[in-house]
Protein backbone atom coordinates (compact mmCIF):
# COMPACT_ATOMS: atom_id res chain seq x y z
CA MET A 1 0.00 0.00 0.00
CA LEU A 2 1.05 3.61 -0.45
CA ARG A 3 2.71 5.74 2.22
CA GLN A 4 3.15 9.47 2.78
CA GLN A 5 6.61 9.37 1.17
CA ASP A 6 4.89 8.39 -2.09
CA VAL A 7 3.11 11.77 -2.30
CA GLY A 8 4.51 13.74 -5.22
CA HIS A 9 5.44 10.59 -7.14
CA ARG A 10 3.88 8.81 -10.09
CA ILE A 11 1.66 5.88 -9.13
CA VAL A 12 -0.77 3.39 -10.61
CA VAL A 13 -3.95 2.46 -8.74
CA ARG A 14 -6.27 -0.45 -9.45
CA ARG A 15 -9.64 0.25 -7.87
CA ILE A 16 -12.89 -1.63 -7.53
CA VAL A 17 -15.63 0.14 -9.50
CA GLY A 18 -18.44 -2.41 -9.24
CA ILE A 19 -19.54 -6.02 -8.99
CA ARG A 20 -20.77 -8.20 -11.82
CA GLU A 21 -21.99 -11.75 -11.31
CA GLY A 22 -20.33 -11.82 -7.93
CA ARG A 23 -16.96 -10.68 -9.26
CA PRO A 24 -15.34 -7.27 -8.75
CA LEU A 25 -14.86 -4.95 -11.70
CA PHE A 26 -11.57 -3.04 -11.80
CA SER A 27 -10.35 0.21 -13.32
CA ASP A 28 -6.76 1.47 -13.43
CA ALA A 29 -5.61 5.06 -12.99
CA LEU A 30 -2.13 6.45 -13.60
CA GLY A 31 -0.88 9.82 -12.38
CA GLU A 32 0.86 11.76 -9.62
CA LEU A 33 -0.22 11.13 -6.05
CA VAL A 34 -1.03 14.59 -4.68
CA GLU A 35 -2.79 13.69 -1.40
CA LEU A 36 -3.08 10.67 0.84
CA ASN A 37 -5.01 10.33 4.09
CA GLU A 38 -6.79 7.62 6.05
CA THR A 39 -9.91 7.64 3.88
CA HIS A 40 -8.95 8.86 0.38
CA LEU A 41 -6.13 9.31 -2.06
CA THR A 42 -6.06 11.91 -4.82
CA ILE A 43 -4.28 11.46 -8.15
CA ALA A 44 -3.54 14.08 -10.81
CA THR A 45 -4.15 12.18 -14.05
CA ALA A 46 -4.01 13.36 -17.66
CA GLN A 47 -7.83 13.48 -17.63
CA GLY A 48 -8.07 15.51 -14.41
CA ARG A 49 -8.02 15.00 -10.65
CA LEU A 50 -9.33 11.68 -9.36
CA ARG A 51 -10.27 11.15 -5.71
CA VAL A 52 -10.43 7.48 -4.74
CA PRO A 53 -11.72 6.13 -1.41
CA VAL A 54 -9.09 3.91 0.20
CA ALA A 55 -11.77 1.24 0.65
CA GLU A 56 -12.02 0.94 -3.16
CA VAL A 57 -8.27 0.48 -3.72
CA HIS A 58 -7.38 -3.07 -4.71
CA ARG A 59 -3.71 -2.41 -5.45
CA ALA A 60 -1.52 0.68 -5.67
CA LYS A 61 2.19 1.17 -6.23
CA ARG A 62 4.76 3.73 -7.29
CA VAL A 63 5.94 3.55 -10.91
CA PRO A 64 8.93 5.15 -12.67
CA PRO A 65 8.58 8.82 -13.60
CA THR A 66 7.74 9.84 -17.12
CA ARG A 67 10.57 10.44 -19.53
CA ARG A 68 12.19 13.83 -19.72
CA PRO A 69 10.52 16.21 -22.15
CA THR A 70 12.03 16.41 -25.61
CA ALA A 71 14.17 19.36 -26.61
CA THR A 72 11.33 20.46 -28.89
CA ALA A 73 8.87 20.47 -25.97
CA VAL A 74 11.25 22.51 -23.79
CA VAL A 75 11.81 25.07 -26.55
CA GLU A 76 8.06 25.33 -27.20
CA LEU A 77 7.30 26.00 -23.54
CA GLU A 78 10.19 28.45 -23.10
CA LEU A 79 9.00 30.47 -26.09
CA ALA A 80 5.42 30.47 -24.77
CA ALA A 81 6.76 31.73 -21.42
CA ASP A 82 8.78 34.44 -23.17
CA GLU A 83 5.65 35.52 -25.04
CA ALA A 84 3.78 35.68 -21.72
CA TRP A 85 6.44 37.93 -20.11
CA PRO A 86 7.51 40.18 -23.02
CA ALA A 87 10.57 42.37 -22.49
CA PRO A 88 10.18 45.74 -24.25
CA VAL A 89 13.77 45.76 -25.58
CA ARG A 90 14.70 42.71 -27.60
CA GLY A 91 17.44 41.44 -29.85
CA ARG A 92 18.40 38.18 -31.55
CA LEU A 93 21.53 36.10 -31.82
CA GLY A 94 20.53 33.57 -34.44
CA ASP A 95 17.65 31.78 -32.71
CA TRP A 96 18.70 32.98 -29.25
CA LEU A 97 16.71 35.80 -27.66
CA LEU A 98 18.22 38.87 -25.96
CA ARG A 99 15.90 40.72 -23.56
CA SER A 100 16.07 43.89 -21.52
CA ALA A 101 13.52 45.63 -19.26
CA ASP A 102 15.33 48.13 -17.02
CA GLY A 103 16.38 45.30 -14.74
CA TRP A 104 12.80 44.37 -13.76
CA THR A 105 12.88 40.58 -13.15
CA GLY A 106 15.50 38.16 -14.32
CA ARG A 107 13.26 36.61 -16.96
CA ALA A 108 12.91 39.89 -18.84
CA ASN A 109 16.59 40.83 -18.54
CA SER A 110 18.36 37.70 -19.65
CA ALA A 111 19.28 35.90 -22.84
CA LEU A 112 17.34 32.76 -23.70
CA PRO A 113 19.67 30.26 -25.43
CA VAL A 114 17.26 28.00 -27.31
CA GLY A 115 18.01 27.02 -30.88
CA ASP A 116 21.11 27.88 -32.89
CA PRO A 117 23.03 31.11 -32.11
CA ASP A 118 24.51 31.01 -35.63
CA ARG A 119 28.09 31.06 -34.33
CA PRO A 120 30.37 29.01 -32.07
CA LEU A 121 29.32 28.90 -28.41
CA PRO A 122 32.22 31.02 -27.05
CA ALA A 123 31.51 33.70 -29.67
CA ALA A 124 27.81 33.63 -28.76
CA VAL A 125 28.58 34.27 -25.08
CA ASP A 126 30.95 37.09 -26.10
CA ALA A 127 28.11 38.65 -28.12
CA ILE A 128 25.73 38.39 -25.15
CA GLU A 129 28.23 40.20 -22.93
CA ARG A 130 28.65 43.00 -25.49
CA TRP A 131 24.87 43.40 -25.98
CA TYR A 132 24.15 43.79 -22.27
CA ALA A 133 27.14 46.09 -21.77
CA ALA A 134 25.75 48.32 -24.52
CA HIS A 135 22.45 48.45 -22.58
CA GLY A 136 24.19 49.28 -19.31
CA GLN A 137 23.19 46.01 -17.63
CA PRO A 138 24.99 42.97 -16.25
CA ALA A 139 24.84 40.07 -18.67
CA MET A 140 22.46 37.30 -17.63
CA VAL A 141 21.43 34.05 -19.31
CA ASN A 142 18.48 31.78 -18.47
CA THR A 143 19.67 28.23 -19.05
CA PRO A 144 16.83 25.68 -19.42
CA LEU A 145 18.02 22.31 -18.12
CA PRO A 146 19.06 19.85 -19.33
CA LEU A 147 18.70 21.48 -22.76
CA ALA A 148 21.31 24.21 -22.13
CA VAL A 149 23.90 22.13 -20.26
CA PRO A 150 26.61 23.00 -22.85
CA VAL A 151 25.86 26.70 -22.37
CA GLY A 152 26.09 26.26 -18.61
CA ALA A 153 29.50 24.60 -18.95
CA GLU A 154 30.79 27.55 -20.97
CA LEU A 155 29.47 29.99 -18.37
CA ASP A 156 31.04 27.93 -15.56
CA ALA A 157 34.40 28.24 -17.29
CA ARG A 158 33.97 32.03 -17.34
CA GLY A 159 33.08 32.27 -13.66
CA TRP A 160 29.39 33.14 -14.03
CA SER A 161 27.32 32.71 -10.85
CA ALA A 162 23.88 31.11 -10.60
CA ARG A 163 20.68 32.26 -8.93
CA PRO A 164 18.44 29.71 -7.16
CA LEU A 165 17.01 26.92 -9.28
CA THR A 166 13.60 27.63 -10.82
CA LEU A 167 11.05 24.90 -11.56
CA VAL A 168 8.96 25.20 -14.72
CA GLN A 169 5.81 23.31 -13.81
CA THR A 170 2.85 22.27 -15.92
CA VAL A 171 -0.58 20.69 -15.56
CA PRO A 172 -3.47 19.87 -17.90
CA LEU A 173 -6.17 22.51 -17.49
CA ALA A 174 -8.71 19.74 -16.93
CA THR A 175 -6.90 18.96 -13.67
CA LEU A 176 -7.39 22.50 -12.34
CA ARG A 177 -11.01 23.06 -13.28
CA PRO A 178 -14.26 21.95 -11.62
CA PRO A 179 -15.65 19.39 -11.02
CA ALA A 180 -12.26 18.64 -9.50
CA PRO A 181 -12.74 17.96 -5.78
CA ALA A 182 -11.38 20.33 -3.19
CA VAL A 183 -7.71 20.03 -2.29
CA SER A 184 -8.79 20.33 1.34
CA PRO A 185 -11.28 22.51 3.18
CA ALA A 186 -8.56 25.10 3.80
CA ASP A 187 -7.32 25.06 0.22
CA ASP A 188 -10.60 25.39 -1.66
CA PRO A 189 -13.49 27.15 0.07
CA PRO A 190 -16.83 27.32 -1.77
CA VAL A 191 -17.30 29.84 -4.57
CA VAL A 192 -19.48 32.88 -3.93
CA HIS A 193 -21.02 34.65 -6.92
CA ALA A 194 -20.58 38.36 -7.45
CA ASP A 195 -24.24 39.07 -6.60
CA ALA A 196 -23.96 37.41 -3.20
CA PRO A 197 -24.14 39.46 0.04
CA PRO A 198 -21.01 41.47 0.98
CA ALA A 199 -18.16 39.01 1.46
CA THR A 200 -15.74 38.36 4.23
CA LEU A 201 -12.94 35.80 4.22
CA ALA A 202 -15.23 33.38 6.01
CA THR A 203 -17.76 33.53 3.12
CA ALA A 204 -15.21 33.03 0.32
CA PRO A 205 -15.13 36.31 -1.64
CA PRO A 206 -15.42 35.98 -5.41
CA VAL A 207 -12.48 36.11 -7.82
CA VAL A 208 -12.85 39.01 -10.26
CA LEU A 209 -10.99 38.96 -13.59
CA ALA A 210 -10.12 42.20 -15.41
CA ALA A 211 -8.53 42.83 -18.81
CA ALA A 212 -6.36 45.63 -17.36
CA PRO A 213 -4.71 45.81 -13.94
CA PRO A 214 -6.22 48.27 -11.43
CA GLU A 215 -3.80 50.50 -9.56
CA GLU A 216 -4.23 48.44 -6.38
CA TRP A 217 -3.22 45.32 -8.30
CA LEU A 218 -0.14 47.11 -9.67
CA ALA A 219 0.78 48.24 -6.16
CA VAL A 220 0.85 44.61 -5.01
CA ALA A 221 3.09 43.67 -7.96
CA ALA A 222 5.38 46.61 -7.19
CA GLY A 223 5.68 45.55 -3.58
CA ARG A 224 6.57 42.01 -4.56
CA LYS A 225 9.05 42.88 -7.31
CA GLY A 226 10.57 46.05 -5.88
CA GLY A 227 9.07 48.90 -7.89
CA LEU A 228 7.20 49.16 -11.14
CA PRO A 229 9.04 51.00 -13.95
CA ALA A 230 7.47 51.64 -17.35
CA SER A 231 9.11 48.46 -18.62
CA ALA A 232 7.24 46.48 -15.97
CA ARG A 233 3.88 47.82 -17.09
CA HIS A 234 4.79 46.77 -20.63
CA ILE A 235 5.65 43.24 -19.49
CA LEU A 236 2.41 42.90 -17.56
CA THR A 237 0.04 44.26 -20.20
CA ALA A 238 1.62 43.79 -23.66
CA VAL A 239 0.06 40.37 -24.23
CA ASP A 240 -2.95 40.00 -26.50
CA ARG A 241 -4.81 37.66 -24.15
CA VAL A 242 -4.28 38.49 -20.48
CA ARG A 243 -6.39 38.67 -17.32
CA PHE A 244 -5.69 40.09 -13.89
CA ALA A 245 -7.33 38.30 -10.97
CA GLN A 246 -8.41 40.10 -7.81
CA VAL A 247 -10.08 39.04 -4.59
CA TYR A 248 -11.44 41.64 -2.18
CA ALA A 249 -12.62 41.08 1.38
CA ASP A 250 -14.24 43.92 3.30
CA GLY A 251 -13.06 46.29 0.58
CA VAL A 252 -9.41 45.25 0.89
CA LEU A 253 -7.48 43.56 -1.93
CA VAL A 254 -6.30 40.26 -0.42
CA ALA A 255 -5.30 38.11 -3.40
CA THR A 256 -4.03 38.67 -6.95
CA GLY A 257 -2.87 36.70 -9.95
CA ARG A 258 -2.15 37.08 -13.65
CA GLY A 259 -3.02 34.74 -16.51
CA THR A 260 -1.95 34.81 -20.15
CA VAL A 261 -2.72 32.63 -23.15
CA THR A 262 0.27 32.21 -25.47
CA GLY A 263 2.09 29.55 -27.45
CA GLN A 264 -0.39 29.52 -30.34
CA GLY A 265 -3.23 29.46 -27.83
CA ARG A 266 -2.14 26.25 -26.16
CA TRP A 267 -0.63 27.50 -22.89
CA LEU A 268 -2.15 29.34 -19.94
CA GLY A 269 0.68 31.08 -18.11
CA LEU A 270 0.19 31.82 -14.40
CA SER A 271 2.24 34.46 -12.61
CA LEU A 272 2.21 36.84 -9.65
CA ILE A 273 -0.06 34.65 -7.55
CA GLU A 274 -0.05 36.58 -4.28
CA VAL A 275 -2.12 36.45 -1.08
CA ALA A 276 -1.92 39.09 1.65
CA PRO A 277 -0.42 37.77 4.91
CA GLN A 278 -3.66 38.23 6.87
CA ALA A 279 -5.62 36.18 4.29
CA ARG A 280 -3.33 33.19 3.84
CA ARG A 281 -4.40 29.59 4.44
CA GLN A 282 -7.91 30.44 3.31
CA GLY A 283 -7.66 28.75 -0.10
CA LEU A 284 -7.48 32.04 -2.03
CA ALA A 285 -4.42 31.14 -4.12
CA ALA A 286 -6.11 27.95 -5.31
CA ARG A 287 -9.29 29.85 -6.14
CA VAL A 288 -7.38 32.50 -8.11
CA ILE A 289 -5.61 29.78 -10.09
CA ARG A 290 -8.87 27.94 -10.84
CA ALA A 291 -10.61 31.14 -11.94
CA LEU A 292 -7.77 31.87 -14.35
CA ALA A 293 -7.90 28.23 -15.51
CA ASP A 294 -11.59 28.62 -16.36
CA TRP A 295 -10.79 31.74 -18.39
CA GLY A 296 -7.84 30.07 -20.12
CA ALA A 297 -9.93 27.04 -21.07
CA ALA A 298 -12.61 29.34 -22.52
CA GLU A 299 -9.82 30.89 -24.62
CA GLY A 300 -8.88 27.46 -25.97
CA ALA A 301 -5.82 26.68 -23.82
CA THR A 302 -5.34 23.07 -22.76
CA LEU A 303 -2.27 23.26 -20.53
CA ALA A 304 -1.07 25.59 -17.78
CA PHE A 305 2.45 26.50 -16.71
CA LEU A 306 4.10 28.52 -13.99
CA GLN A 307 7.63 29.19 -12.77
CA VAL A 308 8.54 28.90 -9.09
CA GLU A 309 11.84 28.82 -7.23
CA GLN A 310 12.57 25.39 -5.82
CA ARG A 311 13.36 26.91 -2.42
CA ASN A 312 9.81 28.36 -2.16
CA THR A 313 8.61 25.20 -0.49
CA GLU A 314 5.16 26.45 0.53
CA ALA A 315 4.28 27.47 -3.03
CA VAL A 316 5.70 24.23 -4.46
CA ALA A 317 3.58 22.22 -2.02
CA LEU A 318 0.42 24.10 -3.02
CA TYR A 319 1.10 23.63 -6.72
CA ARG A 320 1.74 19.91 -6.14
CA LYS A 321 -1.67 19.59 -4.48
CA LEU A 322 -3.24 21.25 -7.50
CA GLY A 323 -1.60 18.70 -9.81
CA PHE A 324 1.43 20.59 -11.13
CA THR A 325 4.55 18.61 -11.95
CA THR A 326 8.00 19.80 -13.00
CA HIS A 327 8.41 19.88 -16.78
CA HIS A 328 12.01 21.15 -16.67
CA THR A 329 14.12 23.59 -14.67
CA TYR A 330 16.30 26.59 -15.36
CA LEU A 331 19.11 28.56 -13.78
CA THR A 332 19.58 32.28 -14.25
CA ARG A 333 23.30 32.79 -14.73
CA VAL A 334 24.96 36.14 -14.00
CA ALA A 335 28.25 37.34 -15.46
CA PRO A 336 31.00 38.29 -12.98
CA PRO A 337 31.60 42.01 -12.44
CA THR A 338 34.04 43.51 -14.91
């Protein structure tokens, strides 16, 4: 039988779904185990979340993880993420992207080495250093792993440092959307419609989606990212399909999030999921994500992605409960001072 150490791993479950002529009927489910307690287990499958009573489990075991994504899949997702977080100043080095945004976030101020730089690797890194020097910024490179291992080796040889590892996580939208069962009572309080009586945290205030960010929403983003220059406003709003999620309780903004649809309409990108300290552990982050998932699905997206630092253990745990798994990782590399 499964144990708590199996949570977060890929499993297969054979469950009893009925009886015919005195014999049990079985059905198999394959996916990531996201929750396990004395009465139920929850699996994130390709078809959505599945909650199985322990009493119905005939057999269950851990199975090997899925294969690593192909290079093509990593490039596709990285380009969708770049489209969802568009730096206002851009250049190219063959297929590689060069991005600058007044230093606002590493993603928008780093080179993305996917594809062919149209020159030998050492010459490509030299060109990156010159481009960022011309823009008055330290050179940075986002290295998707394991795709950009050769680039990382070249940067190691030059003494470039690395910021904390970032996980690029994905989930089928069907896993995030109702009728998926609640993660837990604390993670997913009931939805209240906008025409309900005035809300408090105890009555689960509604998630409101807007096509443009209100000033209060921008203030939250500025507080999280350390200011909000003009380049930041461009990054946040210069996407054709974007929504800004807000949750108010007693007139106070307590939760925010941002969703984009990019990658030829396939990918819902989630970013800036934030809950005010006084409103945490009320399920608001999960509700913001699910509201954006509903919008993304209506726009035709079928998959969702987000980027989270591996050391942010609370966020990683929440995303695991919602069914997210790590597609690949990346390191932001920073050139040594000159």
